[in-house]
Amino acid sequence: MNTVLNHVNEFVTLTQINCGNCAGTYAINERYRSECHDKGTSWNCPYCRTDWGYTGNELTRLKKQLESKERELAFARSNAAAERAAREKTERRLSAAKGAKTRMANRVKHGVCPCCNRTFQNLMRHMSTQHPHFNKGANAA
């Protein structure tokens, strides 16, 4: 690298470049070369006009990686929301079933027939004589 004084009394650092196509040697401003590296852009050889520079540099790779991770995060968040909604739906369904079972048990405790909704003093005798199929279904479950 060479350092020279330009027309506005600033020091400019030049970087020597050897063209891989025409083997010509030239120099570019180090600040410009560094910018091209950071942005992933290129420049042309002044002799053969071959395009030289940087593609797929670290910054570009990291930006793509970040975008990929952001997409994965959005997908994971939407999956989590869907799973949460399914869990809440299942919890509501189970709670409703538990409530229905409790209501039925309370009605039976008070002598109300679950089949015909009539009240009996001796519900067990009524169930065995009038609804024998109901007891068989309860024992099977």
Protein backbone atom coordinates (compact mmCIF):
# COMPACT_ATOMS: atom_id res chain seq x y z
CA MET A 1 0.00 0.00 0.00
CA ASN A 2 1.22 3.44 -0.84
CA THR A 3 0.15 6.70 0.72
CA VAL A 4 0.09 9.85 -1.43
CA LEU A 5 -1.03 13.44 -0.92
CA ASN A 6 -3.96 14.42 -3.16
CA HIS A 7 -5.01 17.85 -4.43
CA VAL A 8 -6.95 18.84 -1.25
CA ASN A 9 -4.06 17.98 1.10
CA GLU A 10 -5.56 14.69 2.29
CA PHE A 11 -3.63 11.49 2.44
CA VAL A 12 -4.98 8.75 0.20
CA THR A 13 -3.98 5.15 0.68
CA LEU A 14 -3.67 3.21 -2.58
CA THR A 15 -3.96 -0.55 -2.78
CA GLN A 16 -2.11 -2.41 -5.50
CA ILE A 17 -4.27 -4.76 -7.55
CA ASN A 18 -2.95 -7.37 -9.99
CA CYS A 19 -5.52 -8.29 -12.65
CA GLY A 20 -5.95 -12.03 -12.92
CA ASN A 21 -7.11 -11.74 -16.52
CA CYS A 22 -4.56 -9.47 -18.25
CA ALA A 23 -1.87 -9.49 -15.51
CA GLY A 24 -1.94 -5.68 -15.44
CA THR A 25 -1.08 -3.91 -12.20
CA TYR A 26 -2.99 -0.87 -11.04
CA ALA A 27 -3.90 0.85 -7.78
CA ILE A 28 -7.25 1.84 -6.29
CA ASN A 29 -8.13 3.92 -3.26
CA GLU A 30 -8.15 1.70 -0.16
CA ARG A 31 -11.30 3.38 1.12
CA TYR A 32 -13.08 2.51 -2.16
CA ARG A 33 -11.77 -1.10 -2.03
CA SER A 34 -12.94 -1.40 1.59
CA GLU A 35 -16.38 -0.01 0.64
CA CYS A 36 -16.65 -2.53 -2.19
CA HIS A 37 -15.76 -5.30 0.24
CA ASP A 38 -18.37 -4.18 2.78
CA LYS A 39 -21.13 -3.78 0.18
CA GLY A 40 -20.17 -6.81 -1.92
CA THR A 41 -19.70 -4.71 -5.09
CA SER A 42 -16.96 -4.70 -7.73
CA TRP A 43 -14.83 -2.50 -10.04
CA ASN A 44 -13.32 -2.92 -13.50
CA CYS A 45 -9.68 -3.41 -14.48
CA PRO A 46 -8.58 -0.23 -16.34
CA TYR A 47 -6.74 -2.32 -18.97
CA CYS A 48 -9.01 -5.22 -19.96
CA ARG A 49 -12.29 -4.04 -18.34
CA THR A 50 -12.67 -7.33 -16.47
CA ASP A 51 -14.99 -7.08 -13.49
CA TRP A 52 -13.18 -7.54 -10.15
CA GLY A 53 -14.34 -7.18 -6.60
CA TYR A 54 -16.34 -8.95 -3.97
CA THR A 55 -19.48 -11.00 -4.20
CA GLY A 56 -20.96 -13.04 -1.43
CA ASN A 57 -18.90 -11.32 1.21
CA GLU A 58 -19.39 -11.78 4.93
CA LEU A 59 -21.90 -8.92 5.25
CA THR A 60 -24.09 -10.28 2.46
CA ARG A 61 -23.90 -13.79 3.89
CA LEU A 62 -24.85 -12.53 7.35
CA LYS A 63 -27.78 -10.51 5.99
CA LYS A 64 -29.13 -13.60 4.22
CA GLN A 65 -28.62 -15.64 7.36
CA LEU A 66 -30.47 -13.02 9.41
CA GLU A 67 -33.39 -12.99 6.95
CA SER A 68 -33.53 -16.79 7.09
CA LYS A 69 -33.58 -16.77 10.90
CA GLU A 70 -36.29 -14.10 10.92
CA ARG A 71 -38.43 -16.28 8.62
CA GLU A 72 -37.84 -19.27 10.89
CA LEU A 73 -38.79 -17.20 13.93
CA ALA A 74 -42.01 -15.98 12.27
CA PHE A 75 -42.86 -19.58 11.33
CA ALA A 76 -42.17 -20.79 14.88
CA ARG A 77 -44.30 -18.01 16.33
CA SER A 78 -47.23 -18.86 14.05
CA ASN A 79 -46.87 -22.56 14.94
CA ALA A 80 -46.80 -21.71 18.62
CA ALA A 81 -49.95 -19.60 18.24
CA ALA A 82 -51.71 -22.45 16.41
CA GLU A 83 -50.65 -24.97 19.06
CA ARG A 84 -51.81 -22.62 21.82
CA ALA A 85 -55.21 -22.20 20.14
CA ALA A 86 -55.59 -25.98 19.73
CA ARG A 87 -54.65 -26.55 23.38
CA GLU A 88 -57.13 -23.93 24.58
CA LYS A 89 -59.86 -25.47 22.42
CA THR A 90 -59.15 -28.91 23.88
CA GLU A 91 -59.16 -27.50 27.41
CA ARG A 92 -62.55 -25.85 26.81
CA ARG A 93 -63.94 -29.09 25.36
CA LEU A 94 -62.71 -31.12 28.35
CA SER A 95 -64.05 -28.55 30.77
CA ALA A 96 -67.45 -28.67 29.08
CA ALA A 97 -67.48 -32.49 29.21
CA LYS A 98 -66.53 -32.43 32.90
CA GLY A 99 -69.32 -29.93 33.59
CA ALA A 100 -71.86 -32.10 31.75
CA LYS A 101 -70.75 -35.16 33.72
CA THR A 102 -71.02 -33.26 37.02
CA ARG A 103 -74.50 -31.98 36.13
CA MET A 104 -75.64 -35.49 35.22
CA ALA A 105 -74.22 -36.93 38.47
CA ASN A 106 -75.96 -34.24 40.53
CA ARG A 107 -79.28 -34.89 38.78
CA VAL A 108 -78.98 -38.64 39.40
CA LYS A 109 -78.10 -38.00 43.08
CA HIS A 110 -81.37 -36.12 43.37
CA GLY A 111 -83.36 -38.96 41.80
CA VAL A 112 -83.83 -37.57 38.25
CA CYS A 113 -83.75 -40.22 35.55
CA PRO A 114 -81.09 -39.38 32.89
CA CYS A 115 -83.21 -40.97 30.17
CA CYS A 116 -86.72 -39.66 30.74
CA ASN A 117 -86.05 -36.74 33.12
CA ARG A 118 -88.65 -37.91 35.66
CA THR A 119 -88.01 -37.88 39.40
CA PHE A 120 -88.20 -41.18 41.33
CA GLN A 121 -87.78 -42.16 44.97
CA ASN A 122 -86.06 -45.40 43.98
CA LEU A 123 -84.10 -44.47 40.87
CA MET A 124 -82.06 -47.71 40.88
CA ARG A 125 -85.18 -49.89 40.55
CA HIS A 126 -86.59 -47.58 37.85
CA MET A 127 -83.34 -47.75 35.83
CA SER A 128 -83.07 -51.54 36.03
CA THR A 129 -86.71 -52.10 35.02
CA GLN A 130 -87.43 -49.29 32.59
CA HIS A 131 -83.99 -48.61 31.06
CA PRO A 132 -81.95 -51.83 31.24
CA HIS A 133 -79.93 -50.88 28.15
CA PHE A 134 -78.62 -47.77 29.96
CA ASN A 135 -76.87 -49.79 32.70
CA LYS A 136 -75.27 -52.13 30.16
CA GLY A 137 -73.84 -49.13 28.28
CA ALA A 138 -72.50 -47.59 31.53
CA ASN A 139 -70.77 -50.85 32.57
CA ALA A 140 -69.18 -51.32 29.17
CA ALA A 141 -67.56 -47.88 29.29
